[in-house]
N, C-alpha and C. Protein backbone atom coordinates (compact mmCIF):
# COMPACT_ATOMS: atom_id res chain seq x y z
N GLN A 1 32.70 0.37 -97.68
CA GLN A 1 33.70 1.02 -98.82
C GLN A 1 34.77 1.73 -98.01
N VAL A 2 36.00 1.52 -98.30
CA VAL A 2 36.90 2.84 -97.76
C VAL A 2 37.27 3.45 -98.54
N GLN A 3 36.95 4.73 -98.74
CA GLN A 3 37.56 5.79 -99.95
C GLN A 3 38.78 6.91 -99.18
N LEU A 4 40.02 7.25 -99.85
CA LEU A 4 40.45 8.06 -99.82
C LEU A 4 40.88 9.40 -101.02
N VAL A 5 40.27 10.00 -100.33
CA VAL A 5 39.85 11.34 -101.90
C VAL A 5 40.88 12.69 -101.57
N GLU A 6 41.80 12.93 -102.27
CA GLU A 6 43.03 13.84 -101.93
C GLU A 6 42.94 14.96 -102.94
N SER A 7 42.72 16.00 -102.41
CA SER A 7 43.37 17.77 -103.19
C SER A 7 44.70 18.41 -102.68
N GLY A 8 44.30 19.04 -104.00
CA GLY A 8 45.97 19.98 -103.56
C GLY A 8 46.58 20.45 -104.94
N GLY A 9 46.58 19.65 -105.23
CA GLY A 9 48.06 19.42 -106.01
C GLY A 9 47.63 20.15 -107.33
N GLY A 10 48.77 20.25 -108.44
CA GLY A 10 48.33 21.55 -108.96
C GLY A 10 50.18 21.92 -109.95
N LEU A 11 50.45 22.79 -110.55
CA LEU A 11 51.73 23.39 -110.86
C LEU A 11 52.02 24.43 -109.79
N VAL A 12 53.51 24.66 -110.22
CA VAL A 12 53.69 26.07 -108.95
C VAL A 12 54.83 25.98 -109.30
N GLN A 13 55.72 27.14 -109.12
CA GLN A 13 56.89 27.62 -109.61
C GLN A 13 57.98 27.37 -108.56
N ALA A 14 59.22 27.00 -109.13
CA ALA A 14 60.05 26.86 -108.10
C ALA A 14 60.07 27.74 -106.73
N GLY A 15 59.96 27.26 -105.31
CA GLY A 15 60.22 28.08 -104.48
C GLY A 15 58.78 28.34 -103.70
N GLY A 16 57.81 27.94 -104.61
CA GLY A 16 56.37 28.15 -104.14
C GLY A 16 55.85 26.84 -103.20
N SER A 17 55.20 26.84 -102.97
CA SER A 17 54.25 26.15 -101.90
C SER A 17 52.46 26.01 -102.33
N LEU A 18 52.30 24.40 -102.09
CA LEU A 18 50.97 23.92 -101.84
C LEU A 18 50.78 23.24 -100.73
N ARG A 19 49.47 22.65 -100.23
CA ARG A 19 48.84 22.24 -99.75
C ARG A 19 47.90 21.00 -99.88
N LEU A 20 48.83 19.84 -99.68
CA LEU A 20 47.90 18.88 -100.05
C LEU A 20 46.78 18.17 -99.12
N ALA A 21 45.88 17.58 -98.84
CA ALA A 21 44.81 17.08 -98.06
C ALA A 21 44.21 15.79 -98.56
N CYS A 22 44.04 15.10 -97.64
CA CYS A 22 43.74 13.40 -97.94
C CYS A 22 42.25 12.99 -96.86
N ALA A 23 40.99 13.06 -97.45
CA ALA A 23 40.30 12.50 -96.41
C ALA A 23 39.62 11.42 -96.45
N ALA A 24 40.01 10.61 -95.52
CA ALA A 24 39.35 9.26 -95.80
C ALA A 24 38.25 9.00 -95.27
N SER A 25 37.13 8.50 -96.02
CA SER A 25 35.61 7.80 -95.31
C SER A 25 35.47 6.53 -95.22
N GLY A 26 34.57 5.83 -94.62
CA GLY A 26 34.22 4.76 -94.69
C GLY A 26 34.45 4.27 -93.44
N LYS A 27 34.25 2.23 -93.26
CA LYS A 27 34.75 2.46 -91.80
C LYS A 27 35.98 1.99 -91.82
N ILE A 28 36.82 2.76 -91.39
CA ILE A 28 38.37 2.20 -91.36
C ILE A 28 38.45 2.51 -89.44
N PHE A 29 39.28 1.11 -88.86
CA PHE A 29 39.24 0.47 -87.71
C PHE A 29 40.45 1.06 -87.32
N SER A 30 40.18 2.03 -86.15
CA SER A 30 42.00 2.15 -85.41
C SER A 30 43.41 2.54 -86.41
N ILE A 31 42.77 3.63 -87.04
CA ILE A 31 43.77 4.04 -88.11
C ILE A 31 45.35 4.29 -87.10
N ILE A 32 46.41 3.79 -87.65
CA ILE A 32 47.85 3.86 -87.09
C ILE A 32 48.25 4.78 -87.34
N THR A 33 48.83 4.88 -88.65
CA THR A 33 49.13 6.29 -89.53
C THR A 33 49.01 6.68 -90.81
N MET A 34 48.79 7.56 -90.73
CA MET A 34 48.58 8.47 -92.43
C MET A 34 49.38 9.15 -92.72
N GLY A 35 50.05 9.05 -94.07
CA GLY A 35 50.89 9.46 -94.86
C GLY A 35 50.82 9.48 -95.97
N TRP A 36 52.38 10.47 -96.79
CA TRP A 36 52.02 10.17 -97.88
C TRP A 36 53.13 10.06 -98.73
N TYR A 37 53.54 9.59 -99.86
CA TYR A 37 54.49 9.20 -100.64
C TYR A 37 53.93 9.52 -101.91
N ARG A 38 54.87 9.94 -103.11
CA ARG A 38 55.31 10.26 -104.17
C ARG A 38 56.15 8.99 -105.30
N GLN A 39 55.88 9.41 -106.94
CA GLN A 39 55.70 8.40 -107.06
C GLN A 39 56.24 9.39 -108.29
N ALA A 40 57.96 9.68 -109.02
CA ALA A 40 57.86 10.53 -110.42
C ALA A 40 58.28 9.64 -111.09
N PRO A 41 58.33 9.77 -112.53
CA PRO A 41 58.28 9.09 -113.88
C PRO A 41 59.90 8.26 -113.54
N GLY A 42 59.35 7.07 -114.19
CA GLY A 42 60.22 6.40 -114.59
C GLY A 42 61.28 6.12 -112.68
N LYS A 43 60.37 6.25 -111.57
CA LYS A 43 61.30 5.88 -110.14
C LYS A 43 60.07 4.91 -109.79
N GLN A 44 60.91 4.80 -108.44
CA GLN A 44 59.82 4.14 -107.37
C GLN A 44 59.09 4.80 -106.67
N ARG A 45 58.15 4.34 -106.46
CA ARG A 45 57.38 5.02 -104.93
C ARG A 45 57.88 5.06 -103.84
N GLU A 46 57.74 6.54 -103.20
CA GLU A 46 59.11 6.82 -102.20
C GLU A 46 57.91 7.08 -101.04
N LEU A 47 58.40 6.98 -99.68
CA LEU A 47 57.64 7.82 -98.55
C LEU A 47 57.73 8.93 -98.83
N VAL A 48 57.20 10.15 -98.48
CA VAL A 48 57.52 11.40 -98.12
C VAL A 48 57.56 11.74 -96.74
N ALA A 49 56.48 11.83 -96.32
CA ALA A 49 56.07 11.59 -94.90
C ALA A 49 55.09 10.85 -93.94
N ILE A 50 54.94 11.06 -92.98
CA ILE A 50 54.18 9.94 -92.09
C ILE A 50 53.70 10.32 -90.72
N ILE A 51 52.73 10.29 -90.00
CA ILE A 51 52.72 10.48 -89.20
C ILE A 51 51.59 9.57 -88.47
N SER A 52 51.83 9.33 -87.05
CA SER A 52 50.88 8.69 -86.63
C SER A 52 50.08 8.80 -85.41
N SER A 53 49.27 8.08 -85.06
CA SER A 53 47.77 8.43 -84.36
C SER A 53 48.40 9.53 -83.13
N GLY A 54 49.33 9.23 -82.85
CA GLY A 54 49.91 9.83 -81.01
C GLY A 54 50.58 11.06 -82.07
N GLY A 55 50.53 10.98 -83.22
CA GLY A 55 51.21 12.58 -84.11
C GLY A 55 52.85 12.10 -83.71
N SER A 56 53.27 11.41 -83.66
CA SER A 56 54.59 11.30 -84.25
C SER A 56 55.09 11.36 -85.68
N THR A 57 56.30 12.16 -86.26
CA THR A 57 56.50 11.70 -87.66
C THR A 57 57.61 11.47 -88.41
N ASN A 58 57.89 11.66 -89.29
CA ASN A 58 58.82 10.85 -89.78
C ASN A 58 58.95 11.52 -91.46
N TYR A 59 59.99 12.02 -91.66
CA TYR A 59 60.05 12.72 -92.99
C TYR A 59 60.99 11.91 -94.05
N ALA A 60 60.86 12.04 -95.21
CA ALA A 60 62.19 11.52 -95.94
C ALA A 60 63.19 12.62 -95.97
N ASP A 61 64.26 12.59 -96.03
CA ASP A 61 65.61 13.43 -96.00
C ASP A 61 65.56 14.62 -96.60
N SER A 62 64.78 14.27 -98.12
CA SER A 62 64.71 15.44 -98.98
C SER A 62 63.79 16.82 -98.70
N VAL A 63 63.19 16.11 -97.73
CA VAL A 63 61.94 17.21 -97.81
C VAL A 63 61.96 17.59 -95.93
N LYS A 64 63.05 16.89 -95.08
CA LYS A 64 63.08 17.63 -94.12
C LYS A 64 63.28 18.90 -94.44
N GLY A 65 62.31 19.70 -93.42
CA GLY A 65 62.49 21.41 -93.17
C GLY A 65 61.83 22.30 -94.38
N ARG A 66 60.90 21.40 -95.09
CA ARG A 66 60.17 22.14 -96.35
C ARG A 66 58.61 21.95 -95.95
N PHE A 67 58.54 20.50 -95.48
CA PHE A 67 57.60 19.72 -96.19
C PHE A 67 57.20 19.56 -94.04
N THR A 68 55.51 19.86 -93.77
CA THR A 68 55.41 19.35 -92.79
C THR A 68 53.56 18.53 -92.64
N ILE A 69 53.83 17.45 -92.41
CA ILE A 69 52.45 16.86 -92.13
C ILE A 69 51.59 16.96 -91.25
N SER A 70 50.50 17.08 -90.86
CA SER A 70 49.63 17.28 -89.74
C SER A 70 48.26 16.38 -90.13
N ARG A 71 47.41 15.81 -89.40
CA ARG A 71 46.40 15.15 -89.41
C ARG A 71 45.28 15.68 -88.38
N ASP A 72 44.02 15.70 -88.56
CA ASP A 72 42.77 15.82 -87.98
C ASP A 72 41.97 14.90 -87.75
N ASN A 73 42.16 14.41 -86.18
CA ASN A 73 42.07 12.69 -86.08
C ASN A 73 40.04 13.11 -86.10
N ALA A 74 39.65 13.74 -85.69
CA ALA A 74 37.92 13.95 -85.98
C ALA A 74 37.93 13.73 -87.32
N LYS A 75 38.18 14.11 -88.52
CA LYS A 75 37.94 14.16 -89.51
C LYS A 75 38.88 13.14 -90.41
N ASN A 76 39.23 12.45 -90.13
CA ASN A 76 40.09 11.58 -90.45
C ASN A 76 40.66 12.02 -91.60
N THR A 77 41.86 12.88 -91.48
CA THR A 77 42.14 14.23 -92.77
C THR A 77 43.58 14.26 -92.55
N VAL A 78 44.42 13.82 -93.24
CA VAL A 78 45.95 14.08 -93.20
C VAL A 78 46.23 15.51 -94.15
N TYR A 79 47.38 15.83 -93.98
CA TYR A 79 47.66 17.22 -94.86
C TYR A 79 49.49 17.27 -94.65
N LEU A 80 49.80 17.86 -95.83
CA LEU A 80 51.02 17.96 -96.30
C LEU A 80 50.94 19.42 -96.99
N GLN A 81 51.67 20.15 -96.04
CA GLN A 81 52.35 21.40 -96.35
C GLN A 81 53.45 21.17 -96.83
N MET A 82 53.96 21.51 -98.49
CA MET A 82 54.98 22.12 -99.06
C MET A 82 55.22 23.37 -99.42
N ASN A 83 56.58 23.23 -98.33
CA ASN A 83 57.05 25.25 -98.86
C ASN A 83 58.13 24.90 -99.82
N SER A 84 58.69 25.83 -100.37
CA SER A 84 60.10 25.45 -100.58
C SER A 84 59.94 24.79 -102.01
N LEU A 85 59.63 24.64 -102.89
CA LEU A 85 59.12 23.46 -103.93
C LEU A 85 60.22 23.55 -104.69
N LYS A 86 60.75 22.11 -105.13
CA LYS A 86 61.92 22.39 -105.92
C LYS A 86 61.24 21.22 -107.06
N PRO A 87 62.04 21.59 -108.14
CA PRO A 87 61.36 20.51 -109.93
C PRO A 87 61.36 19.41 -109.28
N GLU A 88 62.44 18.95 -108.38
CA GLU A 88 62.61 17.49 -108.34
C GLU A 88 61.48 17.26 -107.15
N ASP A 89 61.01 17.55 -106.85
CA ASP A 89 59.28 17.32 -106.30
C ASP A 89 58.47 17.18 -107.02
N THR A 90 58.79 16.91 -108.20
CA THR A 90 57.56 16.91 -109.19
C THR A 90 57.18 15.45 -109.16
N ALA A 91 55.67 14.96 -108.81
CA ALA A 91 55.60 13.56 -108.40
C ALA A 91 53.87 13.54 -108.60
N VAL A 92 53.61 12.26 -108.84
CA VAL A 92 52.77 11.82 -108.11
C VAL A 92 52.61 11.37 -107.28
N TYR A 93 51.64 12.36 -106.06
CA TYR A 93 51.50 12.26 -104.08
C TYR A 93 50.20 11.21 -104.27
N TYR A 94 51.06 10.51 -103.70
CA TYR A 94 49.31 9.55 -103.12
C TYR A 94 49.39 9.41 -101.64
N CYS A 95 48.45 9.51 -101.26
CA CYS A 95 48.19 9.81 -99.89
C CYS A 95 47.75 7.99 -98.96
N ASN A 96 48.22 7.60 -97.87
CA ASN A 96 48.21 6.57 -97.36
C ASN A 96 48.00 6.27 -96.09
N VAL A 97 46.29 5.40 -95.75
CA VAL A 97 46.26 5.23 -94.47
C VAL A 97 46.44 3.85 -94.38
N VAL A 98 46.70 3.60 -92.93
CA VAL A 98 46.94 1.68 -92.26
C VAL A 98 46.08 1.72 -91.07
N GLY A 99 45.36 0.91 -91.38
CA GLY A 99 44.32 0.59 -90.29
C GLY A 99 44.60 -0.40 -89.84
N VAL A 100 44.06 -1.06 -88.72
CA VAL A 100 43.65 -2.45 -88.34
C VAL A 100 42.11 -2.73 -88.72
N ASP A 101 41.87 -4.22 -88.87
CA ASP A 101 40.88 -4.63 -89.06
C ASP A 101 41.43 -6.20 -88.26
N ALA A 102 40.18 -6.74 -87.56
CA ALA A 102 40.67 -8.53 -86.65
C ALA A 102 42.21 -8.40 -86.56
N ALA A 103 42.68 -7.00 -85.86
CA ALA A 103 43.77 -7.40 -85.48
C ALA A 103 45.19 -7.32 -86.94
N ARG A 104 44.79 -7.34 -87.75
CA ARG A 104 45.73 -7.66 -88.92
C ARG A 104 45.73 -6.00 -89.70
N PRO A 105 46.77 -5.72 -90.04
CA PRO A 105 46.84 -4.01 -90.95
C PRO A 105 46.17 -4.16 -91.99
N VAL A 106 45.31 -3.12 -92.31
CA VAL A 106 45.05 -3.20 -93.91
C VAL A 106 45.57 -1.78 -94.60
N TYR A 107 45.79 -1.68 -95.63
CA TYR A 107 46.63 -0.44 -96.15
C TYR A 107 45.40 -0.08 -97.36
N TYR A 108 45.51 1.19 -97.29
CA TYR A 108 44.59 2.00 -97.96
C TYR A 108 45.56 3.11 -98.88
N TRP A 109 44.96 3.49 -99.89
CA TRP A 109 45.76 3.54 -101.05
C TRP A 109 44.37 5.21 -101.75
N GLY A 110 45.12 6.45 -101.72
CA GLY A 110 44.36 7.11 -102.53
C GLY A 110 44.83 7.67 -104.10
N GLN A 111 43.57 7.94 -104.69
CA GLN A 111 43.85 7.53 -106.16
C GLN A 111 45.20 8.58 -106.94
N GLY A 112 45.97 9.82 -105.70
CA GLY A 112 47.27 10.43 -106.29
C GLY A 112 46.80 11.48 -107.24
N THR A 113 47.76 12.51 -106.63
CA THR A 113 47.32 14.13 -106.96
C THR A 113 48.58 14.33 -107.81
N GLN A 114 48.43 15.02 -108.67
CA GLN A 114 49.61 15.28 -109.80
C GLN A 114 50.20 16.97 -108.81
N VAL A 115 51.56 16.47 -108.90
CA VAL A 115 52.33 18.26 -108.07
C VAL A 115 53.50 18.02 -109.45
N THR A 116 53.40 19.25 -109.83
CA THR A 116 54.72 19.53 -111.30
C THR A 116 55.37 21.00 -110.45
N VAL A 117 56.51 20.90 -110.39
CA VAL A 117 57.37 21.96 -109.94
C VAL A 117 57.57 22.80 -111.00
N SER A 118 57.88 24.00 -112.04
CA SER A 118 58.59 24.41 -112.65
C SER A 118 60.03 24.92 -112.56
N SER A 119 60.67 24.97 -113.15
CA SER A 119 62.20 25.78 -112.94
C SER A 119 62.21 27.36 -112.99
C-alpha cells in the first residue's frame, strides 16, 4: 500500500512563505516524477511544479521565481518552498508521484493540504 503524507499547509499573509512536504511510503517502484498540483474553489486542478528523478524541474508560469521544488530521493520526499505568496495562491495543494510498475506508469495522490493566503 502506497501512502503520500503531506504537511506544511496553513494560513499566511500575502508576501509570506510556506514550505510543503510530501513523504511517500510503501512499495513504489522506480519513481519517475514527484510534483505538486493545486485546486482552488471552482477551478480545475492545475500543475504547480514537478521534478524528475534526475532533478529536472518544471513550473507553472504563475509561480516561477517564487516557488522552488526539491526532492530527497533517499527519503522519497518532495518539498515545495513557496515564497512571496499571493492571495491567488490559495488552494488545496496535492502531492503527486508517478512510478513505474510492470513497465506501466502508476499515479499516486496525497490527500491534499490547504494553503490560504490572506491579503
